[in-house]
Amino acid sequence: MDPRLLAAVILSPFALVFVYAGIHELRRFKSQGRAQYGLQYDEETGTTHVTALAEEDDGYDLEDFDPNAVNNSETEKAD
């Protein structure tokens, strides 16, 4: 098999995902306007994820987070 063809076969799924994400973001931009993305903390699961933030919301700051405080508050509620 030609190395260029093999490289194209390997890279094509990544290119398709990139194009799909670009189209998806362009459609979102046209309908909702400019968005600010940031890290959000989910207290129920104790995880963070990247999401679009509302204008009045601030992003999640990792330096202000104390994981012991979250873990301690959950164990106190269980008692």
C-alpha atoms as a PDB file:
ATOM      1  CA  MET A   1       0.000   0.000   0.000  1.00  0.00           C
ATOM      2  CA  ASP A   2       1.257   3.454  -0.887  1.00  0.00           C
ATOM      3  CA  PRO A   3       2.463   5.340   2.251  1.00  0.00           C
ATOM      4  CA  ARG A   4       0.569   8.475   1.227  1.00  0.00           C
ATOM      5  CA  LEU A   5      -2.674   6.507   0.931  1.00  0.00           C
ATOM      6  CA  LEU A   6      -2.055   4.853   4.279  1.00  0.00           C
ATOM      7  CA  ALA A   7      -1.425   8.268   5.886  1.00  0.00           C
ATOM      8  CA  ALA A   8      -4.640   9.616   4.334  1.00  0.00           C
ATOM      9  CA  VAL A   9      -6.636   6.649   5.654  1.00  0.00           C
ATOM     10  CA  ILE A  10      -5.229   7.098   9.151  1.00  0.00           C
ATOM     11  CA  LEU A  11      -5.717  10.890   9.255  1.00  0.00           C
ATOM     12  CA  SER A  12      -9.136  11.093   7.567  1.00  0.00           C
ATOM     13  CA  PRO A  13     -11.236  10.298  10.695  1.00  0.00           C
ATOM     14  CA  PHE A  14      -9.460  13.060  12.611  1.00  0.00           C
ATOM     15  CA  ALA A  15      -9.984  15.510   9.770  1.00  0.00           C
ATOM     16  CA  LEU A  16     -13.683  14.603   9.590  1.00  0.00           C
ATOM     17  CA  VAL A  17     -14.125  15.148  13.340  1.00  0.00           C
ATOM     18  CA  PHE A  18     -12.343  18.499  13.095  1.00  0.00           C
ATOM     19  CA  VAL A  19     -14.588  19.619  10.216  1.00  0.00           C
ATOM     20  CA  TYR A  20     -17.709  18.399  12.065  1.00  0.00           C
ATOM     21  CA  ALA A  21     -16.710  20.330  15.216  1.00  0.00           C
ATOM     22  CA  GLY A  22     -16.057  23.449  13.161  1.00  0.00           C
ATOM     23  CA  ILE A  23     -19.468  23.258  11.484  1.00  0.00           C
ATOM     24  CA  HIS A  24     -21.164  22.618  14.826  1.00  0.00           C
ATOM     25  CA  GLU A  25     -19.449  25.633  16.433  1.00  0.00           C
ATOM     26  CA  LEU A  26     -20.244  27.851  13.425  1.00  0.00           C
ATOM     27  CA  ARG A  27     -23.947  26.957  13.659  1.00  0.00           C
ATOM     28  CA  ARG A  28     -23.893  27.647  17.418  1.00  0.00           C
ATOM     29  CA  PHE A  29     -22.161  30.992  16.823  1.00  0.00           C
ATOM     30  CA  LYS A  30     -24.761  32.045  14.255  1.00  0.00           C
ATOM     31  CA  SER A  31     -27.664  31.196  16.556  1.00  0.00           C
ATOM     32  CA  GLN A  32     -26.308  32.309  19.954  1.00  0.00           C
ATOM     33  CA  GLY A  33     -23.485  34.726  19.180  1.00  0.00           C
ATOM     34  CA  ARG A  34     -20.063  34.882  20.785  1.00  0.00           C
ATOM     35  CA  ALA A  35     -19.509  32.543  23.736  1.00  0.00           C
ATOM     36  CA  GLN A  36     -16.995  32.470  26.526  1.00  0.00           C
ATOM     37  CA  TYR A  37     -15.846  28.986  27.466  1.00  0.00           C
ATOM     38  CA  GLY A  38     -14.586  28.039  30.882  1.00  0.00           C
ATOM     39  CA  LEU A  39     -14.231  25.281  33.399  1.00  0.00           C
ATOM     40  CA  GLN A  40     -17.352  24.481  35.431  1.00  0.00           C
ATOM     41  CA  TYR A  41     -17.445  22.397  38.608  1.00  0.00           C
ATOM     42  CA  ASP A  42     -20.256  19.908  39.152  1.00  0.00           C
ATOM     43  CA  GLU A  43     -20.783  19.488  42.899  1.00  0.00           C
ATOM     44  CA  GLU A  44     -22.917  16.359  42.540  1.00  0.00           C
ATOM     45  CA  THR A  45     -20.239  14.336  40.773  1.00  0.00           C
ATOM     46  CA  GLY A  46     -17.163  16.232  41.992  1.00  0.00           C
ATOM     47  CA  THR A  47     -15.879  16.673  38.437  1.00  0.00           C
ATOM     48  CA  THR A  48     -15.128  19.586  36.155  1.00  0.00           C
ATOM     49  CA  HIS A  49     -15.881  20.054  32.458  1.00  0.00           C
ATOM     50  CA  VAL A  50     -15.440  22.746  29.827  1.00  0.00           C
ATOM     51  CA  THR A  51     -18.665  24.490  28.833  1.00  0.00           C
ATOM     52  CA  ALA A  52     -19.983  27.783  27.549  1.00  0.00           C
ATOM     53  CA  LEU A  53     -20.367  30.295  30.379  1.00  0.00           C
ATOM     54  CA  ALA A  54     -23.126  32.845  30.739  1.00  0.00           C
ATOM     55  CA  GLU A  55     -22.008  36.470  30.668  1.00  0.00           C
ATOM     56  CA  GLU A  56     -22.490  36.926  34.413  1.00  0.00           C
ATOM     57  CA  ASP A  57     -20.759  33.627  35.352  1.00  0.00           C
ATOM     58  CA  ASP A  58     -17.079  33.306  36.097  1.00  0.00           C
ATOM     59  CA  GLY A  59     -15.003  30.312  35.177  1.00  0.00           C
ATOM     60  CA  TYR A  60     -13.923  27.807  37.785  1.00  0.00           C
ATOM     61  CA  ASP A  61     -10.534  28.663  39.293  1.00  0.00           C
ATOM     62  CA  LEU A  62      -8.476  25.607  40.206  1.00  0.00           C
ATOM     63  CA  GLU A  63      -6.270  27.564  42.606  1.00  0.00           C
ATOM     64  CA  ASP A  64      -9.274  28.483  44.785  1.00  0.00           C
ATOM     65  CA  PHE A  65     -10.453  24.869  45.024  1.00  0.00           C
ATOM     66  CA  ASP A  66      -9.791  22.801  48.121  1.00  0.00           C
ATOM     67  CA  PRO A  67     -10.687  19.138  47.464  1.00  0.00           C
ATOM     68  CA  ASN A  68     -10.571  18.331  51.177  1.00  0.00           C
ATOM     69  CA  ALA A  69     -13.382  20.794  51.868  1.00  0.00           C
ATOM     70  CA  VAL A  70     -15.624  19.078  49.312  1.00  0.00           C
ATOM     71  CA  ASN A  71     -14.790  15.599  50.567  1.00  0.00           C
ATOM     72  CA  ASN A  72     -15.282  16.619  54.212  1.00  0.00           C
ATOM     73  CA  SER A  73     -18.658  18.221  53.562  1.00  0.00           C
ATOM     74  CA  GLU A  74     -19.919  15.046  51.872  1.00  0.00           C
ATOM     75  CA  THR A  75     -18.852  12.846  54.784  1.00  0.00           C
ATOM     76  CA  GLU A  76     -20.400  15.248  57.297  1.00  0.00           C
ATOM     77  CA  LYS A  77     -23.738  15.084  55.479  1.00  0.00           C
ATOM     78  CA  ALA A  78     -23.683  11.289  55.560  1.00  0.00           C
ATOM     79  CA  ASP A  79     -23.218  11.207  59.357  1.00  0.00           C
END
